[in-house]
Structure formats: C-alpha cells, structure tokens
Amino acid sequence: MLMATTVLSVEGHGLASASAKIEVRPNRLVELRVQFDFIELLNHGSKVYPLAVVAALPDEKFALLYKEVIKLFDNELKVMLGTKAVVLNKRYPTAQQMFSLLKGQLVDSQFSNPASKLYTYSDRRFFQVLAFDFKLLTAQESSQLKVTFPKELGDIYITYSKPKSSSLHPGESWQPN
C-alpha cells in the first residue's frame, strides 16, 4: 500500500518540463503540439494530487478533471498573428485516452526499477499531447506569430521549425546546409 501513495518525481537525464513544438509546413499549415505531465499540471497550485489517487478515480470524477484541463487550454492557450487572434483546430485526446495513459504511468511506476529515471528526451511516453493547427494566409505571416501558453504548465521548452525543402536525384545524399 505504501507504493500506491508515492508521488512520482519527474526528473531524469532528459526534458522534464512541458514542451511545445510549432511547425510551419510548406503549405502554410501551422501545427502546434503541447506535451505535458498531467499530474504536474494538476499540482501547479497549493493542492497535491498524487498519481496513485488520480489514476484510481472513478471515470466520472476523472472526467471532471479532464474537463478542467481542456477548459484551461481553451481559455488560456492564445495564438496571435500580430494583433489578430487565430481560431485553432483543436485535436484533444478523449478523457478515456488521458485516463488510460495515467493508469499506465501508475503501473509502470510500481513495476519499474526505482533507480531508473522516468523520462528522457526520447521517452516521454506518459506525457499528454494536445494538438492544434491553423492555416496562414501568406508565408510572411509566420513572422508575426505569437503563442501564449497556460501559466499552469510552468516552464515550457519550445521548438520552432520552418520548412526548408529540397529535392534529391537518385543516389545523392542530403545535408542540412
């Protein structure tokens, strides 16, 4: 029973904070993916929500937490082009998908080696992922892009990339010059 009440520490060799990847595609589609630890997000305030408690909630109770997290992103994630707000296409996981990921995190925490670190740069398998996208009218608009994230996410590691397209002939190698 002691194991079930242990709060997970999200430390390791890799990135433990929330992250966002903003990618501008050649067709001017902008994709935004936000990746975060659900438990860390819940614990941003004065209350503590241990993983074991959240993962054991009845579906109806977890659905309330899920709705609050979605409401947070709906209200606090702002994307602007200059002074104009952008309407985002939102691709949220379902409450059941988020809940299943948390349950998997709990099982993994109970059966993994306590000396091993939970997350690395390439292994953030228990982080939730919310996806958004929108289309720019012109390629130049990308220079006016401004994104404001919910402060409850804490520090966020941002990756921004724009396309650089090239074509190769058979047998040629590609280099990122």
C-alpha atoms as a PDB file:
ATOM      1  CA  MET A   1       0.000   0.000   0.000  1.00  0.00           C
ATOM      2  CA  LEU A   2       2.925   2.347   0.618  1.00  0.00           C
ATOM      3  CA  MET A   3       3.854   2.063  -3.027  1.00  0.00           C
ATOM      4  CA  ALA A   4       0.396   3.212  -4.120  1.00  0.00           C
ATOM      5  CA  THR A   5       0.696   6.545  -2.312  1.00  0.00           C
ATOM      6  CA  THR A   6       4.140   7.510  -3.568  1.00  0.00           C
ATOM      7  CA  VAL A   7       4.226  10.711  -5.606  1.00  0.00           C
ATOM      8  CA  LEU A   8       6.278  10.335  -8.756  1.00  0.00           C
ATOM      9  CA  SER A   9       9.183  12.642  -9.287  1.00  0.00           C
ATOM     10  CA  VAL A  10       9.624  13.742 -12.871  1.00  0.00           C
ATOM     11  CA  GLU A  11      13.376  14.043 -13.014  1.00  0.00           C
ATOM     12  CA  GLY A  12      15.881  12.479 -15.287  1.00  0.00           C
ATOM     13  CA  HIS A  13      18.529  12.889 -17.873  1.00  0.00           C
ATOM     14  CA  GLY A  14      16.094  14.411 -20.306  1.00  0.00           C
ATOM     15  CA  LEU A  15      13.457  17.043 -20.522  1.00  0.00           C
ATOM     16  CA  ALA A  16      11.023  17.010 -17.598  1.00  0.00           C
ATOM     17  CA  SER A  17       9.187  20.260 -18.314  1.00  0.00           C
ATOM     18  CA  ALA A  18       6.276  20.752 -20.644  1.00  0.00           C
ATOM     19  CA  SER A  19       7.212  21.224 -24.265  1.00  0.00           C
ATOM     20  CA  ALA A  20       5.684  22.665 -27.391  1.00  0.00           C
ATOM     21  CA  LYS A  21       6.561  22.052 -30.998  1.00  0.00           C
ATOM     22  CA  ILE A  22       5.495  24.675 -33.514  1.00  0.00           C
ATOM     23  CA  GLU A  23       5.978  23.653 -37.114  1.00  0.00           C
ATOM     24  CA  VAL A  24       5.176  25.672 -40.228  1.00  0.00           C
ATOM     25  CA  ARG A  25       4.572  23.318 -43.152  1.00  0.00           C
ATOM     26  CA  PRO A  26       5.280  24.214 -46.812  1.00  0.00           C
ATOM     27  CA  ASN A  27       1.522  24.581 -47.468  1.00  0.00           C
ATOM     28  CA  ARG A  28       1.380  27.260 -44.677  1.00  0.00           C
ATOM     29  CA  LEU A  29      -0.283  24.889 -42.226  1.00  0.00           C
ATOM     30  CA  VAL A  30       0.953  25.640 -38.701  1.00  0.00           C
ATOM     31  CA  GLU A  31       0.912  22.690 -36.327  1.00  0.00           C
ATOM     32  CA  LEU A  32       1.263  23.156 -32.573  1.00  0.00           C
ATOM     33  CA  ARG A  33       1.754  20.183 -30.258  1.00  0.00           C
ATOM     34  CA  VAL A  34       1.845  20.696 -26.500  1.00  0.00           C
ATOM     35  CA  GLN A  35       3.238  17.865 -24.385  1.00  0.00           C
ATOM     36  CA  PHE A  36       2.911  17.902 -20.585  1.00  0.00           C
ATOM     37  CA  ASP A  37       2.710  15.760 -17.481  1.00  0.00           C
ATOM     38  CA  PHE A  38      -0.936  15.669 -16.349  1.00  0.00           C
ATOM     39  CA  ILE A  39      -0.031  15.220 -12.670  1.00  0.00           C
ATOM     40  CA  GLU A  40       2.481  18.086 -12.752  1.00  0.00           C
ATOM     41  CA  LEU A  41      -0.199  20.293 -14.308  1.00  0.00           C
ATOM     42  CA  LEU A  42      -2.683  19.374 -11.575  1.00  0.00           C
ATOM     43  CA  ASN A  43      -0.057  20.064  -8.894  1.00  0.00           C
ATOM     44  CA  HIS A  44       0.780  23.606 -10.038  1.00  0.00           C
ATOM     45  CA  GLY A  45      -1.188  25.129  -7.153  1.00  0.00           C
ATOM     46  CA  SER A  46      -1.361  24.509  -3.445  1.00  0.00           C
ATOM     47  CA  LYS A  47      -3.210  21.178  -3.672  1.00  0.00           C
ATOM     48  CA  VAL A  48      -1.323  17.941  -4.239  1.00  0.00           C
ATOM     49  CA  TYR A  49      -2.797  15.272  -6.491  1.00  0.00           C
ATOM     50  CA  PRO A  50      -0.697  12.090  -6.252  1.00  0.00           C
ATOM     51  CA  LEU A  51      -0.636   9.886  -9.337  1.00  0.00           C
ATOM     52  CA  ALA A  52      -1.990   6.921  -7.350  1.00  0.00           C
ATOM     53  CA  VAL A  53      -5.041   8.906  -6.265  1.00  0.00           C
ATOM     54  CA  VAL A  54      -5.806  10.382  -9.696  1.00  0.00           C
ATOM     55  CA  ALA A  55      -5.313   7.046 -11.506  1.00  0.00           C
ATOM     56  CA  ALA A  56      -7.742   5.359  -9.076  1.00  0.00           C
ATOM     57  CA  LEU A  57     -10.559   7.873  -9.534  1.00  0.00           C
ATOM     58  CA  PRO A  58     -13.893   6.648 -10.876  1.00  0.00           C
ATOM     59  CA  ASP A  59     -14.379   7.546 -14.553  1.00  0.00           C
ATOM     60  CA  GLU A  60     -16.942  10.233 -13.693  1.00  0.00           C
ATOM     61  CA  LYS A  61     -14.573  12.004 -11.272  1.00  0.00           C
ATOM     62  CA  PHE A  62     -11.674  11.863 -13.728  1.00  0.00           C
ATOM     63  CA  ALA A  63     -13.979  13.296 -16.404  1.00  0.00           C
ATOM     64  CA  LEU A  64     -14.341  16.410 -14.214  1.00  0.00           C
ATOM     65  CA  LEU A  65     -10.543  16.842 -14.043  1.00  0.00           C
ATOM     66  CA  TYR A  66     -10.312  16.266 -17.790  1.00  0.00           C
ATOM     67  CA  LYS A  67     -12.924  18.958 -18.455  1.00  0.00           C
ATOM     68  CA  GLU A  68     -10.982  21.425 -16.294  1.00  0.00           C
ATOM     69  CA  VAL A  69      -7.740  20.740 -18.168  1.00  0.00           C
ATOM     70  CA  ILE A  70      -9.464  21.147 -21.535  1.00  0.00           C
ATOM     71  CA  LYS A  71     -11.134  24.349 -20.307  1.00  0.00           C
ATOM     72  CA  LEU A  72      -7.714  25.632 -19.218  1.00  0.00           C
ATOM     73  CA  PHE A  73      -6.324  25.150 -22.731  1.00  0.00           C
ATOM     74  CA  ASP A  74      -9.475  26.533 -24.376  1.00  0.00           C
ATOM     75  CA  ASN A  75      -9.252  29.695 -22.255  1.00  0.00           C
ATOM     76  CA  GLU A  76      -5.515  30.235 -21.793  1.00  0.00           C
ATOM     77  CA  LEU A  77      -3.759  28.985 -24.948  1.00  0.00           C
ATOM     78  CA  LYS A  78      -3.708  32.015 -27.224  1.00  0.00           C
ATOM     79  CA  VAL A  79      -2.287  32.189 -30.728  1.00  0.00           C
ATOM     80  CA  MET A  80      -1.989  35.582 -32.371  1.00  0.00           C
ATOM     81  CA  LEU A  81      -0.859  36.828 -35.766  1.00  0.00           C
ATOM     82  CA  GLY A  82       0.106  40.381 -34.954  1.00  0.00           C
ATOM     83  CA  THR A  83      -2.927  41.689 -33.074  1.00  0.00           C
ATOM     84  CA  LYS A  84      -5.418  39.217 -34.560  1.00  0.00           C
ATOM     85  CA  ALA A  85      -6.451  36.118 -32.606  1.00  0.00           C
ATOM     86  CA  VAL A  86      -6.249  32.847 -34.514  1.00  0.00           C
ATOM     87  CA  VAL A  87      -9.049  30.291 -34.420  1.00  0.00           C
ATOM     88  CA  LEU A  88      -7.424  26.928 -33.755  1.00  0.00           C
ATOM     89  CA  ASN A  89      -8.465  23.481 -34.878  1.00  0.00           C
ATOM     90  CA  LYS A  90      -8.208  21.512 -31.636  1.00  0.00           C
ATOM     91  CA  ARG A  91      -7.300  17.842 -31.501  1.00  0.00           C
ATOM     92  CA  TYR A  92      -7.736  16.753 -27.911  1.00  0.00           C
ATOM     93  CA  PRO A  93      -7.429  13.180 -26.714  1.00  0.00           C
ATOM     94  CA  THR A  94     -10.575  11.820 -25.097  1.00  0.00           C
ATOM     95  CA  ALA A  95     -10.919  11.634 -21.328  1.00  0.00           C
ATOM     96  CA  GLN A  96     -10.559   7.864 -21.611  1.00  0.00           C
ATOM     97  CA  GLN A  97      -7.305   8.174 -23.590  1.00  0.00           C
ATOM     98  CA  MET A  98      -5.827  10.548 -20.993  1.00  0.00           C
ATOM     99  CA  PHE A  99      -7.017   8.338 -18.144  1.00  0.00           C
ATOM    100  CA  SER A 100      -5.543   5.200 -19.739  1.00  0.00           C
ATOM    101  CA  LEU A 101      -2.178   6.925 -20.063  1.00  0.00           C
ATOM    102  CA  LEU A 102      -2.234   7.857 -16.361  1.00  0.00           C
ATOM    103  CA  LYS A 103      -3.127   4.302 -15.374  1.00  0.00           C
ATOM    104  CA  GLY A 104      -0.221   3.033 -17.464  1.00  0.00           C
ATOM    105  CA  GLN A 105       2.059   5.540 -15.752  1.00  0.00           C
ATOM    106  CA  LEU A 106       0.958   4.236 -12.350  1.00  0.00           C
ATOM    107  CA  VAL A 107       1.573   0.604 -13.320  1.00  0.00           C
ATOM    108  CA  ASP A 108       4.978   1.490 -14.741  1.00  0.00           C
ATOM    109  CA  SER A 109       5.924   3.417 -11.594  1.00  0.00           C
ATOM    110  CA  GLN A 110       5.086   0.406  -9.437  1.00  0.00           C
ATOM    111  CA  PHE A 111       6.977  -2.148 -11.505  1.00  0.00           C
ATOM    112  CA  SER A 112       9.964  -0.217 -12.838  1.00  0.00           C
ATOM    113  CA  ASN A 113      13.341  -0.004 -11.188  1.00  0.00           C
ATOM    114  CA  PRO A 114      13.184   2.931  -8.721  1.00  0.00           C
ATOM    115  CA  ALA A 115      16.791   3.843  -9.530  1.00  0.00           C
ATOM    116  CA  SER A 116      15.970   4.394 -13.209  1.00  0.00           C
ATOM    117  CA  LYS A 117      14.874   7.839 -14.287  1.00  0.00           C
ATOM    118  CA  LEU A 118      11.336   8.158 -15.577  1.00  0.00           C
ATOM    119  CA  TYR A 119      11.802  10.486 -18.554  1.00  0.00           C
ATOM    120  CA  THR A 120      14.499  11.137 -21.099  1.00  0.00           C
ATOM    121  CA  TYR A 121      14.461  13.272 -24.230  1.00  0.00           C
ATOM    122  CA  SER A 122      13.207  10.349 -26.287  1.00  0.00           C
ATOM    123  CA  ASP A 123      11.000   8.716 -23.650  1.00  0.00           C
ATOM    124  CA  ARG A 124       8.131  10.889 -22.531  1.00  0.00           C
ATOM    125  CA  ARG A 125       5.568   8.178 -23.048  1.00  0.00           C
ATOM    126  CA  PHE A 126       3.360   9.272 -20.149  1.00  0.00           C
ATOM    127  CA  PHE A 127       3.127  12.919 -21.166  1.00  0.00           C
ATOM    128  CA  GLN A 128      -0.228  14.026 -22.541  1.00  0.00           C
ATOM    129  CA  VAL A 129      -0.239  15.516 -26.047  1.00  0.00           C
ATOM    130  CA  LEU A 130      -2.683  18.146 -27.243  1.00  0.00           C
ATOM    131  CA  ALA A 131      -2.555  19.127 -30.907  1.00  0.00           C
ATOM    132  CA  PHE A 132      -3.716  22.284 -32.636  1.00  0.00           C
ATOM    133  CA  ASP A 133      -3.401  23.653 -36.148  1.00  0.00           C
ATOM    134  CA  PHE A 134      -4.388  26.545 -38.377  1.00  0.00           C
ATOM    135  CA  LYS A 135      -3.500  27.849 -41.817  1.00  0.00           C
ATOM    136  CA  LEU A 136      -1.605  31.040 -42.586  1.00  0.00           C
ATOM    137  CA  LEU A 137      -2.927  33.215 -45.412  1.00  0.00           C
ATOM    138  CA  THR A 138       0.611  34.084 -46.504  1.00  0.00           C
ATOM    139  CA  ALA A 139       4.020  32.659 -45.655  1.00  0.00           C
ATOM    140  CA  GLN A 140       5.099  36.074 -44.321  1.00  0.00           C
ATOM    141  CA  GLU A 141       2.526  35.871 -41.525  1.00  0.00           C
ATOM    142  CA  SER A 142       4.715  33.356 -39.697  1.00  0.00           C
ATOM    143  CA  SER A 143       6.973  36.231 -38.598  1.00  0.00           C
ATOM    144  CA  GLN A 144       4.009  37.733 -36.692  1.00  0.00           C
ATOM    145  CA  LEU A 145       3.207  34.526 -34.821  1.00  0.00           C
ATOM    146  CA  LYS A 146       2.850  34.810 -31.044  1.00  0.00           C
ATOM    147  CA  VAL A 147       1.753  31.975 -28.731  1.00  0.00           C
ATOM    148  CA  THR A 148       0.786  32.350 -25.071  1.00  0.00           C
ATOM    149  CA  PHE A 149       0.589  29.141 -23.056  1.00  0.00           C
ATOM    150  CA  PRO A 150      -1.308  28.469 -19.822  1.00  0.00           C
ATOM    151  CA  LYS A 151       0.934  29.566 -16.929  1.00  0.00           C
ATOM    152  CA  GLU A 152      -0.050  26.389 -15.079  1.00  0.00           C
ATOM    153  CA  LEU A 153       2.235  24.445 -17.443  1.00  0.00           C
ATOM    154  CA  GLY A 154       5.261  26.042 -15.784  1.00  0.00           C
ATOM    155  CA  ASP A 155       8.451  26.231 -17.827  1.00  0.00           C
ATOM    156  CA  ILE A 156       7.969  25.188 -21.444  1.00  0.00           C
ATOM    157  CA  TYR A 157      10.658  24.063 -23.864  1.00  0.00           C
ATOM    158  CA  ILE A 158       9.731  25.394 -27.331  1.00  0.00           C
ATOM    159  CA  THR A 159      10.849  24.016 -30.678  1.00  0.00           C
ATOM    160  CA  TYR A 160      10.004  26.115 -33.738  1.00  0.00           C
ATOM    161  CA  SER A 161      10.700  24.959 -37.252  1.00  0.00           C
ATOM    162  CA  LYS A 162      10.017  26.270 -40.727  1.00  0.00           C
ATOM    163  CA  PRO A 163      10.317  24.133 -43.831  1.00  0.00           C
ATOM    164  CA  LYS A 164      13.367  24.024 -45.992  1.00  0.00           C
ATOM    165  CA  SER A 165      12.524  21.932 -48.993  1.00  0.00           C
ATOM    166  CA  SER A 166      14.913  20.424 -51.489  1.00  0.00           C
ATOM    167  CA  SER A 167      14.867  17.594 -53.974  1.00  0.00           C
ATOM    168  CA  LEU A 168      17.411  14.853 -54.460  1.00  0.00           C
ATOM    169  CA  HIS A 169      18.378  12.949 -57.566  1.00  0.00           C
ATOM    170  CA  PRO A 170      18.842   9.176 -57.325  1.00  0.00           C
ATOM    171  CA  GLY A 171      21.976   8.294 -55.367  1.00  0.00           C
ATOM    172  CA  GLU A 172      22.509  11.794 -53.928  1.00  0.00           C
ATOM    173  CA  SER A 173      22.876  12.434 -50.209  1.00  0.00           C
ATOM    174  CA  TRP A 174      21.031  15.111 -48.273  1.00  0.00           C
ATOM    175  CA  GLN A 175      22.738  17.608 -45.934  1.00  0.00           C
ATOM    176  CA  PRO A 176      21.081  20.318 -43.826  1.00  0.00           C
ATOM    177  CA  ASN A 177      23.077  23.228 -45.321  1.00  0.00           C
END
